[in-house]
Protein backbone atom coordinates (compact mmCIF):
# COMPACT_ATOMS: atom_id res chain seq x y z
CA MET A 1 12.52 -8.66 23.11
CA TRP A 2 14.40 -5.48 23.90
CA PRO A 3 15.00 -4.81 27.62
CA ASP A 4 13.01 -2.12 29.40
CA ARG A 5 16.06 -0.50 30.93
CA ASP A 6 19.13 1.42 29.84
CA LEU A 7 21.80 -0.98 28.65
CA PRO A 8 24.67 -0.82 26.20
CA PRO A 9 23.56 -1.62 22.63
CA SER A 10 22.64 -5.28 22.67
CA ARG A 11 21.00 -6.10 19.34
CA ARG A 12 22.09 -9.28 17.59
CA THR A 13 25.05 -7.41 16.10
CA PHE A 14 26.23 -3.98 15.10
CA LEU A 15 26.64 -2.60 11.60
CA SER A 16 28.99 0.31 10.99
CA LEU A 17 27.49 3.06 8.88
CA GLY A 18 29.50 4.55 6.03
CA LEU A 19 28.04 8.02 5.65
CA GLY A 20 29.43 8.75 2.20
CA LEU A 21 33.05 8.36 3.26
CA PHE A 22 33.76 5.48 0.91
CA VAL A 23 31.95 6.55 -2.23
CA VAL A 24 32.46 8.80 -5.23
CA ALA A 25 29.72 11.26 -6.13
CA ALA A 26 27.47 10.06 -8.92
CA VAL A 27 25.79 13.44 -9.38
CA PRO A 28 27.29 16.94 -9.43
CA PHE A 29 28.49 17.53 -5.88
CA ALA A 30 27.39 21.18 -5.96
CA ALA A 31 23.81 19.97 -6.32
CA ARG A 32 24.11 17.73 -3.28
CA ARG A 33 25.99 20.01 -0.96
CA ARG A 34 22.93 22.20 -0.44
CA ALA A 35 21.45 19.38 1.68
CA ARG A 36 22.28 19.57 5.37
CA LEU A 37 23.13 16.46 7.34
CA VAL A 38 21.10 16.28 10.55
CA ARG A 39 21.87 13.39 12.88
CA ARG A 40 20.38 12.37 16.19
CA THR A 41 20.92 9.39 18.50
CA THR A 42 18.75 8.23 21.37
CA LEU A 43 17.87 5.17 23.40
CA VAL A 44 14.74 3.32 22.35
CA MET A 45 13.85 -0.37 22.26
CA GLY A 46 16.54 -0.90 24.89
CA SER A 47 19.38 0.13 22.61
CA THR A 48 21.00 3.00 20.75
CA CYS A 49 19.07 4.18 17.70
CA ASP A 50 20.54 6.53 15.14
CA ILE A 51 18.80 8.58 12.44
CA VAL A 52 20.63 10.59 9.79
CA VAL A 53 18.67 12.89 7.48
CA LEU A 54 19.91 14.83 4.46
CA ASP A 55 17.69 17.81 3.67
CA PRO A 56 18.22 21.48 2.81
CA ARG A 57 15.70 22.53 5.48
CA VAL A 58 17.02 21.80 8.96
CA GLU A 59 13.66 22.53 10.59
CA ARG A 60 11.92 19.97 8.39
CA ALA A 61 14.65 17.43 9.07
CA GLU A 62 14.34 17.90 12.84
CA ALA A 63 10.54 17.56 12.72
CA ALA A 64 10.87 14.42 10.62
CA ILE A 65 13.34 12.89 13.07
CA ASP A 66 10.98 13.70 15.94
CA ALA A 67 8.19 11.86 14.15
CA ALA A 68 10.44 8.90 13.30
CA PHE A 69 11.58 8.45 16.90
CA ALA A 70 7.96 8.75 18.03
CA GLU A 71 7.08 5.79 15.80
CA LEU A 72 9.94 3.71 17.22
CA ALA A 73 8.81 4.55 20.75
CA ARG A 74 5.23 3.61 19.87
CA VAL A 75 6.32 0.18 18.64
CA ASP A 76 8.32 -0.26 21.84
CA ARG A 77 5.29 0.63 23.97
CA THR A 78 3.00 -1.78 22.13
CA MET A 79 5.25 -4.76 21.34
CA SER A 80 7.88 -5.07 24.06
CA ARG A 81 7.48 -8.25 26.11
CA PHE A 82 9.10 -6.41 29.02
CA LYS A 83 6.14 -4.05 29.43
CA ALA A 84 3.11 -5.57 31.17
CA THR A 85 0.88 -2.90 29.58
CA SER A 86 2.02 -3.54 25.99
CA ASP A 87 -0.04 -5.65 23.61
CA VAL A 88 2.51 -8.43 23.95
CA GLY A 89 2.68 -8.09 27.73
CA ARG A 90 -1.09 -8.25 28.08
CA ALA A 91 -1.32 -11.19 25.68
CA ASN A 92 1.32 -13.11 27.61
CA LEU A 93 -0.64 -12.52 30.82
CA GLY A 94 -4.06 -13.55 29.59
CA ALA A 95 -4.35 -14.79 25.98
CA HIS A 96 -4.20 -18.43 27.06
CA ALA A 97 -7.48 -17.93 28.94
CA ALA A 98 -9.38 -15.64 26.57
CA PRO A 99 -8.80 -13.52 23.45
CA VAL A 100 -6.88 -10.32 24.22
CA LEU A 101 -7.46 -7.07 22.34
CA ILE A 102 -4.38 -5.86 20.44
CA GLY A 103 -3.59 -3.03 18.06
CA ALA A 104 -3.66 -3.33 14.28
CA ASP A 105 0.12 -2.96 14.07
CA THR A 106 0.70 -5.76 16.56
CA ALA A 107 -1.73 -7.99 14.69
CA ALA A 108 0.12 -7.25 11.43
CA VAL A 109 3.50 -8.07 12.97
CA ILE A 110 2.20 -11.33 14.45
CA ALA A 111 0.73 -12.23 11.06
CA ARG A 112 4.04 -11.54 9.34
CA GLY A 113 5.85 -13.58 11.97
CA LEU A 114 3.45 -16.47 11.38
CA SER A 115 4.14 -16.23 7.65
CA TRP A 116 7.85 -16.63 8.39
CA ALA A 117 7.08 -19.48 10.80
CA ARG A 118 5.16 -21.39 8.14
CA ALA A 119 7.86 -20.79 5.53
CA THR A 120 10.62 -22.00 7.86
CA ASP A 121 8.69 -24.91 9.42
CA GLY A 122 8.90 -23.15 12.75
CA ALA A 123 12.61 -22.29 12.71
CA PHE A 124 11.44 -18.69 13.09
CA ASP A 125 8.74 -18.63 15.75
CA PRO A 126 7.15 -15.45 17.15
CA ALA A 127 5.82 -17.51 20.10
CA ILE A 128 9.21 -18.60 21.41
CA GLY A 129 8.96 -16.32 24.43
CA LYS A 130 9.07 -19.09 27.04
CA VAL A 131 12.31 -20.41 25.54
CA VAL A 132 13.88 -16.94 25.55
CA GLU A 133 12.79 -16.41 29.15
CA LEU A 134 14.14 -19.79 30.22
CA TRP A 135 17.61 -19.11 28.82
CA ASP A 136 17.72 -15.38 29.72
CA VAL A 137 21.28 -15.17 28.40
CA ALA A 138 21.80 -11.63 29.71
CA HIS A 139 21.64 -12.89 33.29
CA ARG A 140 22.51 -16.60 33.25
CA TYR A 141 25.89 -18.12 34.06
CA GLU A 142 25.01 -21.72 33.25
CA PRO A 143 22.42 -23.49 31.07
CA PRO A 144 18.94 -24.08 32.50
CA PRO A 145 17.98 -27.58 33.67
CA ALA A 146 17.76 -30.06 30.79
CA PRO A 147 14.20 -31.23 31.64
CA ALA A 148 12.95 -27.64 31.42
CA VAL A 149 14.55 -27.29 27.99
CA ARG A 150 13.12 -30.58 26.74
CA ARG A 151 9.58 -29.55 27.74
CA LEU A 152 9.78 -26.61 25.30
CA ALA A 153 11.70 -28.26 22.45
CA GLY A 154 9.96 -28.81 19.13
CA ARG A 155 6.62 -27.53 20.36
CA GLN A 156 5.82 -25.48 17.23
CA PHE A 157 4.24 -22.83 19.43
CA HIS A 158 3.34 -20.66 16.45
CA ARG A 159 0.67 -23.19 15.52
CA ALA A 160 -1.18 -22.33 18.74
CA ILE A 161 -1.47 -18.58 17.95
CA GLU A 162 -4.87 -17.45 16.75
CA VAL A 163 -5.29 -13.91 15.46
CA GLY A 164 -8.84 -12.82 14.73
CA THR A 165 -11.34 -10.06 15.41
CA GLU A 166 -14.01 -9.36 17.99
CA ARG A 167 -16.48 -6.55 17.30
CA GLY A 168 -14.25 -5.43 14.50
CA GLU A 169 -11.10 -5.16 16.66
CA PRO A 170 -8.05 -7.46 16.37
CA VAL A 171 -7.51 -10.02 19.12
CA VAL A 172 -5.01 -12.76 19.84
CA HIS A 173 -5.59 -16.05 21.61
CA PHE A 174 -3.12 -18.76 22.67
CA GLY A 175 -4.06 -22.39 22.30
CA ALA A 176 -1.55 -23.47 24.95
CA SER A 177 -1.07 -22.31 28.52
CA ASP A 178 2.74 -22.50 28.54
CA MET A 179 3.56 -20.19 25.64
CA HIS A 180 4.50 -16.52 25.32
CA LEU A 181 4.89 -14.16 22.41
CA ASP A 182 8.32 -12.67 21.76
CA LEU A 183 8.38 -10.37 18.73
CA GLY A 184 12.01 -9.41 19.30
CA GLY A 185 13.08 -11.01 16.01
CA ILE A 186 10.70 -8.96 13.88
CA ALA A 187 9.15 -5.96 15.67
CA ALA A 188 12.29 -3.81 15.58
CA GLY A 189 12.28 -4.12 11.80
CA TRP A 190 8.60 -3.11 11.76
CA GLY A 191 9.50 -0.10 13.87
CA VAL A 192 12.19 0.95 11.40
CA ASP A 193 9.70 0.68 8.53
CA ARG A 194 7.25 2.89 10.43
CA ALA A 195 10.03 5.41 11.18
CA VAL A 196 10.93 5.54 7.50
CA GLU A 197 7.29 6.18 6.59
CA ALA A 198 7.27 9.06 9.06
CA LEU A 199 10.32 10.55 7.35
CA ARG A 200 8.71 10.19 3.94
CA THR A 201 5.51 11.82 5.19
CA HIS A 202 7.59 14.86 6.17
CA GLY A 203 9.08 15.06 2.69
CA ILE A 204 12.45 13.44 3.44
CA ARG A 205 13.98 11.59 0.50
CA ASP A 206 17.47 10.76 1.81
CA ALA A 207 18.06 9.29 5.25
CA LEU A 208 19.45 6.39 7.23
CA VAL A 209 17.62 4.76 10.14
CA ASN A 210 19.53 2.37 12.39
CA ALA A 211 17.44 0.97 15.22
CA SER A 212 19.47 -1.47 17.25
CA GLY A 213 21.14 -2.88 14.14
CA ASP A 214 18.09 -3.01 11.87
CA ILE A 215 18.85 -0.50 9.13
CA TYR A 216 16.89 1.17 6.36
CA ALA A 217 18.73 3.24 3.75
CA LEU A 218 16.37 5.80 2.22
CA GLY A 219 17.48 7.40 -1.01
CA ARG A 220 21.14 8.38 -1.30
CA ASN A 221 24.04 9.59 0.82
CA GLU A 222 25.78 12.98 0.75
CA ALA A 223 27.63 12.20 -2.45
CA GLY A 224 24.50 11.06 -4.26
CA ASP A 225 25.45 7.39 -4.20
CA PRO A 226 23.83 4.42 -2.44
CA TRP A 227 24.49 4.24 1.27
CA ARG A 228 27.43 1.99 2.07
CA ILE A 229 27.07 -0.17 5.17
CA GLY A 230 29.97 -2.12 6.62
CA VAL A 231 29.25 -5.46 8.31
CA ARG A 232 31.20 -6.03 11.49
CA SER A 233 33.51 -9.03 11.76
CA PRO A 234 32.34 -11.56 14.38
CA ALA A 235 35.96 -12.16 15.35
CA ASP A 236 37.19 -8.56 15.53
CA PRO A 237 34.94 -5.68 16.64
CA GLY A 238 37.22 -3.22 14.86
CA ALA A 239 37.14 -4.99 11.49
CA LEU A 240 34.60 -5.51 8.72
CA VAL A 241 33.83 -8.69 6.78
CA GLY A 242 32.42 -6.70 3.89
CA THR A 243 30.24 -3.82 2.81
CA VAL A 244 26.77 -3.55 1.32
CA GLU A 245 25.60 -0.69 -0.90
CA VAL A 246 21.86 -0.07 -0.70
CA SER A 247 19.30 2.54 -1.65
CA ASP A 248 15.65 2.32 -0.58
CA ALA A 249 16.30 -1.03 1.03
CA ALA A 250 16.80 -2.61 4.45
CA VAL A 251 19.78 -4.44 5.92
CA ALA A 252 19.86 -6.63 9.03
CA THR A 253 22.46 -8.89 10.63
CA SER A 254 22.08 -11.68 13.17
CA GLY A 255 25.13 -12.80 15.13
CA ASP A 256 26.08 -14.91 18.14
CA TYR A 257 28.69 -12.59 19.63
CA GLU A 258 26.78 -9.76 21.35
CA GLN A 259 24.41 -11.48 23.78
CA TYR A 260 25.77 -14.67 25.31
CA PHE A 261 27.35 -16.35 28.31
CA ARG A 262 30.07 -18.98 28.46
CA TYR A 263 29.86 -22.16 30.47
CA ARG A 264 32.61 -24.80 30.54
CA GLY A 265 34.07 -23.55 27.29
CA THR A 266 30.79 -23.35 25.35
CA CYS A 267 29.17 -20.13 24.17
CA TYR A 268 25.42 -19.95 24.73
CA HIS A 269 24.00 -17.09 22.69
CA HIS A 270 20.51 -15.60 22.44
CA LEU A 271 19.47 -16.83 18.99
CA MET A 272 17.22 -19.73 19.90
CA ASP A 273 16.40 -22.76 17.78
CA PRO A 274 12.73 -23.61 18.47
CA GLY A 275 13.41 -27.21 17.54
CA THR A 276 15.84 -27.72 20.40
CA ALA A 277 14.64 -24.88 22.67
CA ALA A 278 18.31 -23.92 23.00
CA PRO A 279 20.80 -21.60 21.30
CA ALA A 280 21.10 -22.54 17.62
CA ARG A 281 24.12 -24.72 16.85
CA THR A 282 25.61 -23.74 13.52
CA ASP A 283 28.95 -23.14 11.85
CA LEU A 284 27.91 -19.53 11.28
CA HIS A 285 28.62 -16.59 13.56
CA SER A 286 26.66 -13.98 11.60
CA THR A 287 24.26 -13.63 8.69
CA THR A 288 23.47 -10.40 6.85
CA VAL A 289 20.49 -9.93 4.54
CA VAL A 290 18.98 -7.22 2.34
CA ALA A 291 15.24 -6.79 1.80
CA GLU A 292 12.69 -4.30 0.56
CA ARG A 293 11.22 -3.98 4.05
CA CYS A 294 13.05 -4.00 7.35
CA VAL A 295 10.42 -6.22 8.98
CA ASP A 296 11.46 -8.99 6.57
CA ALA A 297 15.17 -8.26 6.84
CA ASP A 298 14.85 -8.57 10.63
CA ALA A 299 13.08 -11.94 10.52
CA GLY A 300 15.13 -13.17 7.55
CA SER A 301 18.50 -12.66 9.19
CA THR A 302 17.33 -14.66 12.21
CA ALA A 303 15.93 -17.45 10.05
CA ALA A 304 19.12 -17.64 8.00
CA PHE A 305 21.23 -17.92 11.15
CA VAL A 306 19.10 -20.60 12.80
CA MET A 307 18.54 -22.69 9.66
CA GLY A 308 21.75 -22.06 7.75
CA ALA A 309 21.90 -20.43 4.34
CA GLU A 310 20.90 -23.45 2.26
CA ARG A 311 17.88 -24.50 4.32
CA ALA A 312 16.68 -20.92 4.60
CA ALA A 313 17.02 -20.10 0.89
CA ALA A 314 13.42 -20.85 -0.10
CA ALA A 315 11.94 -18.94 2.86
CA LEU A 316 14.17 -15.95 2.16
CA ALA A 317 13.25 -15.90 -1.51
CA ALA A 318 9.52 -16.18 -0.73
CA HIS A 319 9.74 -13.04 1.39
CA GLY A 320 11.96 -11.06 -0.99
CA VAL A 321 15.06 -11.35 1.20
CA ARG A 322 18.59 -11.79 -0.14
CA LEU A 323 21.48 -13.23 1.91
CA VAL A 324 24.53 -11.06 1.22
CA SER A 325 27.01 -12.19 3.87
CA SER A 326 27.64 -15.04 6.27
CA ALA A 327 30.67 -15.60 8.46
């Protein structure tokens, strides 16, 4: 998942945020200009997270941003595989031996991940942690030994996850001893959704939350139009391949050009194909999707990258996700 240390932004890709600079006001500008733009950036989930709020009351905006960042930090504490005390960390240590108590949010995220796993025949797998650990693309300089890769290929680890209850509390149990959870392809999106709910609870109607590349556009921008989000070109960090206009919707992109290493002319990126237990081999370099919820945009962009747009179409549609760009 996200690293438990300060690193440059390392999410699957970056999206540039057009904060009203490219749009024409759709409502009288005098009515909108009373709202103040309050923006704050911090490190959470191992990457840079940015929240922009439009509200006439700066104090309310600041309190809302505090609450939103607190939700992102809570998701990090409970779902990061890098923290031994998190739900995921504790499950990875002991769920193969006995059911491990987890929080309701973690249980919900695992359940949503399993829904995506079933819809994609395991191309999206929330239990791919051992594969991610084996490749460890942030620190490797050459591929891991082929026999180690083959042992993990095509294992359909998600089928061995059991989520249930004991004494009314959610628990998780692993049906195999050589598997680990890794919610890195879905939990960040869940965190964004929780942050957005915190903003709404504080009365915020217009805001943008960007947590490590998972984005939710709440309401409208300064001009009163949908937020415009530019999708970075895989080939040129300073260029865009297109823009997406969204209001009350989530956007996520998966790409092969942020986390990778090169070995003998081949790029080995961090987006793993559970079928091969290796970086997904595809003609695509990035996929961008739009969804009602960021948790589904997060998982959907990964599934679309690993499977390809055509194979992923049914799974995306079943989860209310729309592919808007691939490059």
